[in-house]
Amino acid sequence: MTDLQYSLELIRRGSEEIIEEEELLTKLKKQRPLRIKAGFDPTAPDLHLGHTVLIQKLKHFQQLGHDILFLIGDFTGMIGDPSGKSETRKALTREEVVQNAETYKRQIFTMLDPDRTEIMFNSSWMNRFTAYDFVQLCSRYTVARMLERDDFHKRFTENRSISVHEFLYPLIQGYDSIEMRADVELGGTDQKFNLLVGRTLQRQEGMEPQVILTMPILEGLDGVQKMSKSLGNYVAIEDTPEDVYGKLMSVSDDLMYRYFQLLTDRNIHEVEAMQDKVRRGELHPKAVKEDLAWELTAKLHGQEGARKGREHFNRVFSRQEMPEEMPEMDIRGRGETDLLEVAVQAGLCQSRGEVKRLCKQGAVSVDGEKVMDPGYSFDSGEHVLRIGKKRFLKVAA
């Protein structure tokens, strides 16, 4: 296999679409480091595994010797990306954007090489824009073209509001590619329209247009909806090793293969071989899931972190003979997180008095550790509350 063939195979792995592959070949043949752009709006304080689908591909480009331009959209974050939204998105304040951006800078280097990564902020050029500059930028794209976007078109036909400032989002994202002199831009499949705008604006500027590489959208732990912190179906990059390992052990058997494909360096043939072995009864699905949980926990926290995650999971679940399915209760964002309230609200106990009595008897445990204090408060993360021998509750705090 030639170096060019190897590069293409690695770039294609897990990707959804390349526009245009012939252009990518031409760029690769120049044998110079390409400028690989990926933008992230700091709309939440944590990056999660859904974001790492793109970061994993950026890492592949780094392995091939290319330069990564990690764009933090601190300016566009104040607009709000309308991609896939059925209504106008709430804009963030400048203070929220700056605070979230700082955490992104720290989190990305759990996977990327700092020496080959340049962090950029689009406010550094957009803050220089005058009213005249914005008018000129808007003149470069028509409203008719904007309404070709699926989400804009749907909202327009359903008579739902579209704010004028939302049209600025894809224009600014495209203009970023001019300022950054991007050779390739990565994004999720929901970003395709915005990425194409970048190609159009670069051509208008007399530049060689960027190649677009789209990546699949990762389903969350529920296996249905896009991984999102707001939906609670996510694994954050800075979750504890125990939480990362435990959350990944909760994914369905079908979903674990997709996680292998999109979040690890396993090639498609290796993943298919695992599926075949499970199908033939030669390999237990739990063993495959344990490999996935170990590999992804180690990616974020190292081998020692993976070991801690596995030991915690085995102590809490395996050795305690926990049921495979148990009721769940999400108390994140609530004022009350103490054991008394949770046990009564979940119906595990009839009264606060019963909880107190069982605590004194040593019949209450959290994550395998006895809890004698009925005023115990749950730390953030996922926990298993056990009362007696048969009453279990998974608590997300």
Protein backbone atom coordinates (compact mmCIF):
# COMPACT_ATOMS: atom_id res chain seq x y z
CA MET A 1 0.00 0.00 0.00
CA THR A 2 1.39 3.40 -0.97
CA ASP A 3 1.52 6.33 1.44
CA LEU A 4 -1.27 8.01 -0.54
CA GLN A 5 -3.48 4.92 -0.38
CA TYR A 6 -2.87 4.60 3.36
CA SER A 7 -3.75 8.27 3.90
CA LEU A 8 -7.00 7.93 1.97
CA GLU A 9 -7.99 4.76 3.81
CA LEU A 10 -7.40 6.40 7.21
CA ILE A 11 -9.27 9.56 6.21
CA ARG A 12 -12.23 7.58 4.85
CA ARG A 13 -12.51 5.44 7.98
CA GLY A 14 -15.79 6.24 9.72
CA SER A 15 -16.48 9.27 7.51
CA GLU A 16 -19.86 9.83 5.89
CA GLU A 17 -18.97 11.87 2.77
CA ILE A 18 -15.98 13.57 1.14
CA ILE A 19 -16.62 16.55 -1.19
CA GLU A 20 -14.71 16.17 -3.45
CA GLU A 21 -12.40 13.17 -3.08
CA GLU A 22 -10.48 13.99 -6.27
CA GLU A 23 -9.71 17.44 -4.85
CA LEU A 24 -8.48 15.82 -1.65
CA LEU A 25 -6.16 13.58 -3.68
CA THR A 26 -4.76 16.62 -5.46
CA LYS A 27 -4.11 18.35 -2.14
CA LEU A 28 -2.46 15.25 -0.65
CA LYS A 29 -0.16 14.91 -3.66
CA LYS A 30 1.32 18.33 -2.93
CA GLN A 31 3.13 16.65 -0.03
CA ARG A 32 2.82 19.59 2.32
CA PRO A 33 0.98 19.75 5.65
CA LEU A 34 -2.66 20.57 4.96
CA ARG A 35 -4.61 23.01 7.12
CA ILE A 36 -7.45 20.99 8.67
CA LYS A 37 -10.28 23.05 10.15
CA ALA A 38 -12.93 22.00 12.65
CA GLY A 39 -15.12 24.44 14.52
CA PHE A 40 -16.82 24.03 17.88
CA ASP A 41 -19.18 26.59 19.37
CA PRO A 42 -18.71 26.77 23.15
CA THR A 43 -22.43 26.44 23.85
CA ALA A 44 -21.96 24.11 26.85
CA PRO A 45 -19.15 23.77 29.39
CA ASP A 46 -18.26 20.18 28.53
CA LEU A 47 -17.17 18.37 25.42
CA HIS A 48 -18.57 14.84 25.24
CA LEU A 49 -17.96 11.67 23.23
CA GLY A 50 -20.22 12.97 20.46
CA HIS A 51 -17.66 15.73 19.86
CA THR A 52 -14.81 13.21 19.83
CA VAL A 53 -16.09 11.65 16.60
CA LEU A 54 -14.66 14.75 14.91
CA ILE A 55 -11.67 15.00 17.25
CA GLN A 56 -10.79 11.37 16.47
CA LYS A 57 -10.68 12.24 12.76
CA LEU A 58 -8.54 15.32 13.52
CA LYS A 59 -6.16 12.97 15.31
CA HIS A 60 -5.98 10.82 12.16
CA PHE A 61 -4.97 13.88 10.14
CA GLN A 62 -2.32 14.67 12.75
CA GLN A 63 -0.94 11.15 12.43
CA LEU A 64 -0.58 11.83 8.70
CA GLY A 65 1.46 14.96 9.41
CA HIS A 66 -1.16 17.66 8.85
CA ASP A 67 -1.86 20.77 10.93
CA ILE A 68 -5.05 21.04 12.96
CA LEU A 69 -6.90 24.35 13.23
CA PHE A 70 -9.25 23.96 16.18
CA LEU A 71 -11.68 26.85 15.90
CA ILE A 72 -13.58 27.91 18.98
CA GLY A 73 -16.59 29.82 17.69
CA ASP A 74 -16.75 32.39 20.43
CA PHE A 75 -18.37 34.88 18.01
CA THR A 76 -20.76 32.43 16.29
CA GLY A 77 -21.61 30.95 19.69
CA MET A 78 -23.37 34.21 20.53
CA ILE A 79 -25.61 33.70 17.46
CA GLY A 80 -26.40 30.04 18.00
CA ASP A 81 -26.07 27.43 15.27
CA PRO A 82 -29.51 26.98 13.65
CA SER A 83 -28.57 23.57 12.17
CA GLY A 84 -31.35 21.09 12.80
CA LYS A 85 -33.27 23.52 15.01
CA SER A 86 -37.04 23.91 14.70
CA GLU A 87 -36.96 27.32 16.34
CA THR A 88 -34.59 30.19 16.95
CA ARG A 89 -31.85 29.15 19.35
CA LYS A 90 -31.19 31.18 22.50
CA ALA A 91 -27.96 33.13 22.11
CA LEU A 92 -25.31 32.90 24.82
CA THR A 93 -23.84 35.85 26.64
CA ARG A 94 -20.23 36.82 26.03
CA GLU A 95 -19.34 35.71 29.58
CA GLU A 96 -20.86 32.24 29.08
CA VAL A 97 -19.01 31.77 25.79
CA VAL A 98 -15.63 32.80 27.24
CA GLN A 99 -16.02 30.52 30.25
CA ASN A 100 -16.98 27.51 28.13
CA ALA A 101 -14.16 28.20 25.65
CA GLU A 102 -11.57 27.89 28.42
CA THR A 103 -12.74 24.37 29.25
CA TYR A 104 -12.60 23.38 25.56
CA LYS A 105 -8.97 24.46 25.34
CA ARG A 106 -8.13 22.14 28.21
CA GLN A 107 -10.24 19.18 27.13
CA ILE A 108 -9.16 18.77 23.50
CA PHE A 109 -5.58 17.96 24.46
CA THR A 110 -6.68 14.72 26.05
CA MET A 111 -6.68 13.48 22.43
CA LEU A 112 -4.77 15.93 20.21
CA ASP A 113 -1.07 16.77 20.07
CA PRO A 114 -0.67 20.37 21.29
CA ASP A 115 2.42 20.86 19.10
CA ARG A 116 0.39 20.22 15.92
CA THR A 117 -2.78 22.02 17.00
CA GLU A 118 -3.51 25.71 16.66
CA ILE A 119 -6.44 27.02 18.69
CA MET A 120 -8.19 29.92 17.00
CA PHE A 121 -11.14 32.15 17.95
CA ASN A 122 -13.32 33.63 15.24
CA SER A 123 -13.88 36.74 17.34
CA SER A 124 -10.27 37.69 16.51
CA TRP A 125 -11.36 38.65 12.99
CA MET A 126 -15.13 39.05 13.34
CA ASN A 127 -14.77 41.73 16.04
CA ARG A 128 -13.00 43.85 13.43
CA PHE A 129 -16.02 43.71 11.10
CA THR A 130 -17.79 47.00 10.47
CA ALA A 131 -21.45 47.36 9.51
CA TYR A 132 -20.23 47.83 5.92
CA ASP A 133 -18.29 44.52 6.11
CA PHE A 134 -21.41 42.66 7.25
CA VAL A 135 -23.48 44.13 4.44
CA GLN A 136 -20.81 43.08 1.93
CA LEU A 137 -20.72 39.55 3.38
CA CYS A 138 -24.51 39.24 3.21
CA SER A 139 -24.45 40.33 -0.45
CA ARG A 140 -22.46 37.21 -1.35
CA TYR A 141 -25.33 34.77 -0.76
CA THR A 142 -29.01 34.87 -1.69
CA VAL A 143 -32.04 34.28 0.52
CA ALA A 144 -33.22 31.64 -1.98
CA ARG A 145 -30.01 29.68 -1.45
CA MET A 146 -30.36 30.00 2.32
CA LEU A 147 -33.88 28.58 2.16
CA GLU A 148 -32.51 25.46 0.47
CA ARG A 149 -31.29 24.41 3.90
CA ASP A 150 -33.61 21.70 5.20
CA ASP A 151 -34.21 23.30 8.59
CA PHE A 152 -34.77 26.80 7.21
CA HIS A 153 -37.04 25.45 4.45
CA LYS A 154 -39.11 23.44 6.94
CA ARG A 155 -39.52 26.37 9.31
CA PHE A 156 -40.46 28.67 6.42
CA THR A 157 -43.12 26.32 5.01
CA GLU A 158 -44.52 25.71 8.52
CA ASN A 159 -44.69 29.47 9.11
CA ARG A 160 -42.25 29.27 12.02
CA SER A 161 -40.02 32.22 12.77
CA ILE A 162 -36.55 32.56 11.26
CA SER A 163 -34.57 35.47 12.63
CA VAL A 164 -32.44 37.38 10.12
CA HIS A 165 -29.35 36.96 12.30
CA GLU A 166 -29.58 33.17 11.81
CA PHE A 167 -28.71 33.65 8.14
CA LEU A 168 -25.44 35.15 9.33
CA TYR A 169 -24.34 31.89 10.96
CA PRO A 170 -23.45 29.89 7.82
CA LEU A 171 -21.98 33.03 6.23
CA ILE A 172 -19.65 33.62 9.16
CA GLN A 173 -18.71 29.94 9.33
CA GLY A 174 -17.86 30.12 5.63
CA TYR A 175 -15.89 33.33 6.09
CA ASP A 176 -13.88 31.65 8.86
CA SER A 177 -12.51 29.30 6.19
CA ILE A 178 -11.19 32.29 4.24
CA GLU A 179 -9.44 33.76 7.27
CA MET A 180 -8.04 30.38 8.29
CA ARG A 181 -7.00 29.40 4.73
CA ALA A 182 -8.54 25.98 5.33
CA ASP A 183 -7.66 23.12 2.97
CA VAL A 184 -10.14 20.71 4.56
CA GLU A 185 -13.06 21.33 6.91
CA LEU A 186 -14.66 18.66 9.07
CA GLY A 187 -18.19 18.71 10.44
CA GLY A 188 -21.16 16.54 11.31
CA THR A 189 -23.64 15.58 8.62
CA ASP A 190 -25.94 18.30 9.96
CA GLN A 191 -23.27 20.86 9.06
CA LYS A 192 -23.09 20.06 5.34
CA PHE A 193 -24.84 23.23 4.17
CA ASN A 194 -22.58 25.46 6.29
CA LEU A 195 -19.48 23.66 5.03
CA LEU A 196 -20.57 24.15 1.42
CA VAL A 197 -20.95 27.88 2.04
CA GLY A 198 -17.26 27.91 2.96
CA ARG A 199 -16.37 26.40 -0.42
CA THR A 200 -18.49 29.01 -2.21
CA LEU A 201 -16.98 31.97 -0.37
CA GLN A 202 -13.42 30.70 -0.86
CA ARG A 203 -14.02 30.41 -4.62
CA GLN A 204 -15.40 33.96 -4.69
CA GLU A 205 -12.23 35.05 -2.90
CA GLY A 206 -10.10 33.40 -5.60
CA MET A 207 -8.91 30.67 -3.25
CA GLU A 208 -8.73 26.92 -3.83
CA PRO A 209 -11.94 25.64 -2.18
CA GLN A 210 -11.72 23.52 0.91
CA VAL A 211 -12.53 19.82 0.79
CA ILE A 212 -15.47 18.87 3.00
CA LEU A 213 -15.44 15.78 5.17
CA THR A 214 -18.64 15.00 7.07
CA MET A 215 -18.82 12.64 10.01
CA PRO A 216 -21.86 10.74 11.35
CA ILE A 217 -23.83 12.07 14.30
CA LEU A 218 -23.24 9.90 17.36
CA GLU A 219 -26.30 8.58 19.16
CA GLY A 220 -26.33 9.02 22.92
CA LEU A 221 -26.43 6.30 25.55
CA ASP A 222 -30.15 5.82 24.85
CA GLY A 223 -29.30 4.71 21.30
CA VAL A 224 -32.02 6.97 19.87
CA GLN A 225 -31.29 10.67 20.06
CA LYS A 226 -28.12 12.62 19.31
CA MET A 227 -25.70 12.64 22.23
CA SER A 228 -26.44 15.81 24.14
CA LYS A 229 -25.87 17.13 27.62
CA SER A 230 -29.36 18.64 27.65
CA LEU A 231 -30.84 15.16 27.06
CA GLY A 232 -28.68 13.55 29.73
CA ASN A 233 -27.56 10.76 27.35
CA TYR A 234 -23.91 11.78 27.18
CA VAL A 235 -20.44 10.80 28.39
CA ALA A 236 -18.40 13.93 29.10
CA ILE A 237 -14.67 14.00 28.35
CA GLU A 238 -14.04 15.08 31.93
CA ASP A 239 -16.37 12.57 33.57
CA THR A 240 -14.61 10.49 36.23
CA PRO A 241 -13.13 7.15 35.08
CA GLU A 242 -15.82 5.40 37.12
CA ASP A 243 -18.61 7.29 35.36
CA VAL A 244 -17.11 6.84 31.89
CA TYR A 245 -16.71 3.09 32.34
CA GLY A 246 -20.11 2.64 33.99
CA LYS A 247 -22.00 4.70 31.42
CA LEU A 248 -20.42 2.78 28.53
CA MET A 249 -21.35 -0.54 30.12
CA SER A 250 -24.97 0.63 29.96
CA VAL A 251 -25.15 0.98 26.15
CA SER A 252 -27.11 -1.56 24.13
CA ASP A 253 -25.42 -4.46 22.36
CA ASP A 254 -26.24 -2.93 18.97
CA LEU A 255 -24.90 0.50 19.88
CA MET A 256 -21.56 -0.75 21.18
CA TYR A 257 -20.43 -1.74 17.68
CA ARG A 258 -21.19 1.75 16.36
CA TYR A 259 -19.18 3.25 19.23
CA PHE A 260 -16.28 0.99 18.28
CA GLN A 261 -16.47 2.23 14.67
CA LEU A 262 -16.73 5.94 15.45
CA LEU A 263 -14.78 6.37 18.68
CA THR A 264 -11.85 3.95 18.43
CA ASP A 265 -9.16 3.06 15.91
CA ARG A 266 -10.64 -0.39 15.29
CA ASN A 267 -11.21 -0.88 11.57
CA ILE A 268 -14.55 -1.94 10.16
CA HIS A 269 -13.38 -5.51 9.47
CA GLU A 270 -12.34 -6.02 13.08
CA VAL A 271 -15.68 -4.72 14.35
CA GLU A 272 -17.59 -6.94 11.91
CA ALA A 273 -15.53 -9.93 13.06
CA MET A 274 -16.57 -9.25 16.67
CA GLN A 275 -20.21 -9.10 15.62
CA ASP A 276 -19.91 -12.42 13.80
CA LYS A 277 -18.35 -14.11 16.84
CA VAL A 278 -21.14 -12.84 19.09
CA ARG A 279 -23.75 -13.97 16.57
CA ARG A 280 -22.24 -17.48 16.47
CA GLY A 281 -22.04 -17.67 20.27
CA GLU A 282 -18.23 -17.70 20.30
CA LEU A 283 -17.99 -14.39 22.16
CA HIS A 284 -20.22 -12.97 24.88
CA PRO A 285 -21.52 -9.45 24.18
CA LYS A 286 -20.58 -8.40 27.72
CA ALA A 287 -16.92 -9.13 26.93
CA VAL A 288 -17.13 -6.87 23.86
CA LYS A 289 -18.73 -4.12 25.94
CA GLU A 290 -16.01 -4.44 28.57
CA ASP A 291 -13.38 -3.98 25.85
CA LEU A 292 -15.18 -0.85 24.63
CA ALA A 293 -15.51 0.61 28.13
CA TRP A 294 -11.83 -0.10 28.88
CA GLU A 295 -10.58 1.35 25.59
CA LEU A 296 -12.56 4.59 25.77
CA THR A 297 -11.89 5.11 29.49
CA ALA A 298 -8.18 4.60 28.83
CA LYS A 299 -8.32 7.10 25.97
CA LEU A 300 -9.62 9.77 28.33
CA HIS A 301 -7.93 8.79 31.61
CA GLY A 302 -5.07 6.43 30.76
CA GLN A 303 -4.64 2.77 31.72
CA GLU A 304 -4.78 3.53 35.43
CA GLY A 305 -8.08 5.36 34.99
CA ALA A 306 -9.50 2.42 33.02
CA ARG A 307 -8.45 0.07 35.80
CA LYS A 308 -10.20 2.23 38.41
CA GLY A 309 -13.33 2.39 36.27
CA ARG A 310 -13.44 -1.37 35.79
CA GLU A 311 -12.81 -2.15 39.46
CA HIS A 312 -15.52 0.27 40.54
CA PHE A 313 -18.00 -1.23 38.09
CA ASN A 314 -17.22 -4.78 39.15
CA ARG A 315 -17.51 -3.88 42.82
CA VAL A 316 -20.82 -2.07 42.42
CA PHE A 317 -22.52 -4.23 39.81
CA SER A 318 -20.94 -7.63 39.22
CA ARG A 319 -20.05 -8.73 42.74
CA GLN A 320 -23.26 -7.38 44.24
CA GLU A 321 -25.29 -9.38 41.71
CA MET A 322 -27.15 -6.29 40.60
CA PRO A 323 -30.13 -6.77 38.28
CA GLU A 324 -29.46 -5.99 34.63
CA GLU A 325 -32.40 -3.59 34.64
CA MET A 326 -33.46 -1.32 37.48
CA PRO A 327 -35.57 1.83 37.83
CA GLU A 328 -33.78 5.12 37.26
CA MET A 329 -34.15 8.58 38.78
CA ASP A 330 -32.59 11.78 37.48
CA ILE A 331 -32.09 14.37 40.23
CA ARG A 332 -29.76 16.70 38.31
CA GLY A 333 -30.82 20.30 38.65
CA ARG A 334 -33.06 19.61 41.63
CA GLY A 335 -32.64 21.34 44.93
CA GLU A 336 -32.92 18.12 46.95
CA THR A 337 -30.30 15.42 46.41
CA ASP A 338 -30.33 13.70 49.81
CA LEU A 339 -30.96 10.04 50.37
CA LEU A 340 -34.18 10.54 52.35
CA GLU A 341 -35.94 12.43 49.56
CA VAL A 342 -34.72 10.13 46.79
CA ALA A 343 -35.69 6.89 48.55
CA VAL A 344 -39.21 8.13 49.36
CA GLN A 345 -39.87 9.82 46.00
CA ALA A 346 -38.71 6.72 44.11
CA GLY A 347 -41.04 4.53 46.18
CA LEU A 348 -38.25 2.42 47.67
CA CYS A 349 -39.46 3.31 51.16
CA GLN A 350 -42.84 4.35 52.52
CA SER A 351 -41.55 7.15 54.71
CA ARG A 352 -38.51 9.11 55.80
CA GLY A 353 -38.70 7.25 59.10
CA GLU A 354 -38.29 3.91 57.31
CA VAL A 355 -35.20 5.22 55.51
CA LYS A 356 -33.66 6.32 58.82
CA ARG A 357 -34.39 2.96 60.43
CA LEU A 358 -32.89 0.98 57.53
CA CYS A 359 -29.77 3.16 57.52
CA LYS A 360 -29.20 2.43 61.21
CA GLN A 361 -29.62 -1.30 60.47
CA GLY A 362 -26.91 -1.13 57.77
CA ALA A 363 -29.39 -2.10 55.04
CA VAL A 364 -28.68 0.91 52.79
CA SER A 365 -25.73 1.24 50.42
CA VAL A 366 -24.62 3.53 47.62
CA ASP A 367 -22.24 2.08 45.03
CA GLY A 368 -21.59 -0.90 47.28
CA GLU A 369 -20.65 1.18 50.34
CA LYS A 370 -22.92 1.16 53.39
CA VAL A 371 -24.60 4.46 54.23
CA MET A 372 -25.41 4.93 57.91
CA ASP A 373 -26.27 8.64 57.68
CA PRO A 374 -29.82 9.22 56.36
CA GLY A 375 -28.78 12.78 55.50
CA TYR A 376 -26.31 11.48 52.90
CA SER A 377 -26.22 13.59 49.71
CA PHE A 378 -25.37 12.15 46.29
CA ASP A 379 -22.26 13.46 44.53
CA SER A 380 -22.56 14.31 40.83
CA GLY A 381 -22.48 11.28 38.55
CA GLU A 382 -24.28 7.95 38.31
CA HIS A 383 -24.87 5.87 41.45
CA VAL A 384 -26.70 2.72 42.46
CA LEU A 385 -28.80 2.97 45.61
CA ARG A 386 -29.59 -0.36 47.25
CA ILE A 387 -32.03 -0.83 50.11
CA GLY A 388 -32.27 -4.30 51.56
CA LYS A 389 -31.65 -7.21 49.24
CA LYS A 390 -34.02 -6.48 46.37
CA ARG A 391 -34.65 -2.74 46.14
CA PHE A 392 -32.37 -0.98 43.62
CA LEU A 393 -32.36 2.46 42.02
CA LYS A 394 -29.96 4.00 39.54
CA VAL A 395 -29.51 7.65 40.48
CA ALA A 396 -28.17 10.30 38.10
CA ALA A 397 -27.03 13.25 40.22
